[in-house]
Protein backbone atom coordinates (compact mmCIF):
# COMPACT_ATOMS: atom_id res chain seq x y z
CA UNK A 1 3.78 8.83 3.22
CA UNK A 2 1.27 5.99 3.38
CA UNK A 3 -1.31 4.71 0.91
CA UNK A 4 -4.34 6.13 2.69
CA UNK A 5 -2.83 9.60 3.02
CA UNK A 6 -1.95 9.71 -0.67
CA UNK A 7 -5.42 8.45 -1.58
CA UNK A 8 -7.08 11.13 0.58
CA UNK A 9 -5.01 13.75 -1.24
CA UNK A 10 -6.59 12.64 -4.50
CA UNK A 11 -3.65 10.69 -5.90
CA UNK A 12 -4.77 7.92 -8.26
CA UNK A 13 -4.15 4.29 -7.30
CA UNK A 14 -1.79 3.72 -10.21
CA UNK A 15 0.32 6.75 -9.20
CA UNK A 16 0.42 5.59 -5.58
CA UNK A 17 1.59 2.14 -6.67
CA UNK A 18 4.31 3.63 -8.86
CA UNK A 19 5.48 6.03 -6.13
CA UNK A 20 5.67 3.31 -3.46
CA UNK A 21 6.96 0.54 -5.72
CA UNK A 22 4.04 -1.81 -5.07
CA UNK A 23 1.32 -3.31 -7.23
CA UNK A 24 -1.93 -1.50 -7.97
CA UNK A 25 -3.78 -4.49 -6.48
CA UNK A 26 -1.96 -3.96 -3.18
CA UNK A 27 -2.94 -0.28 -3.18
CA UNK A 28 -6.56 -1.23 -3.87
CA UNK A 29 -6.49 -3.81 -1.06
CA UNK A 30 -5.34 -1.22 1.49
CA UNK A 31 -7.84 1.39 0.28
CA UNK A 32 -10.72 -1.11 0.38
CA UNK A 33 -9.73 -2.32 3.87
CA UNK A 34 -8.08 0.55 5.80
CA UNK A 35 -7.63 -1.65 8.90
CA UNK A 36 -4.84 -3.48 7.05
CA UNK A 37 -2.83 -0.29 6.87
CA UNK A 38 -2.36 -0.31 10.65
CA UNK A 39 -1.00 -3.85 10.85
CA UNK A 40 2.73 -4.33 10.57
CA UNK A 41 3.58 -7.03 8.05
CA UNK A 42 6.11 -9.62 9.17
CA UNK A 43 9.53 -9.76 7.59
CA UNK A 44 10.22 -12.70 5.35
CA UNK A 45 13.73 -14.03 5.05
CA UNK A 46 14.95 -16.31 2.31
CA UNK A 47 16.73 -19.42 3.41
CA UNK A 48 20.17 -19.66 1.89
């Protein structure tokens, strides 16, 4: 389930953040700019 789908179902931003394990600011960012939701973020690897 993605952020925009949950938001359209009336779920509050704080509940979405908790459910997905991300910050409320991240949820707000994706709701305010839905085009971001369709971009695949790159994977970041720590150097050992």
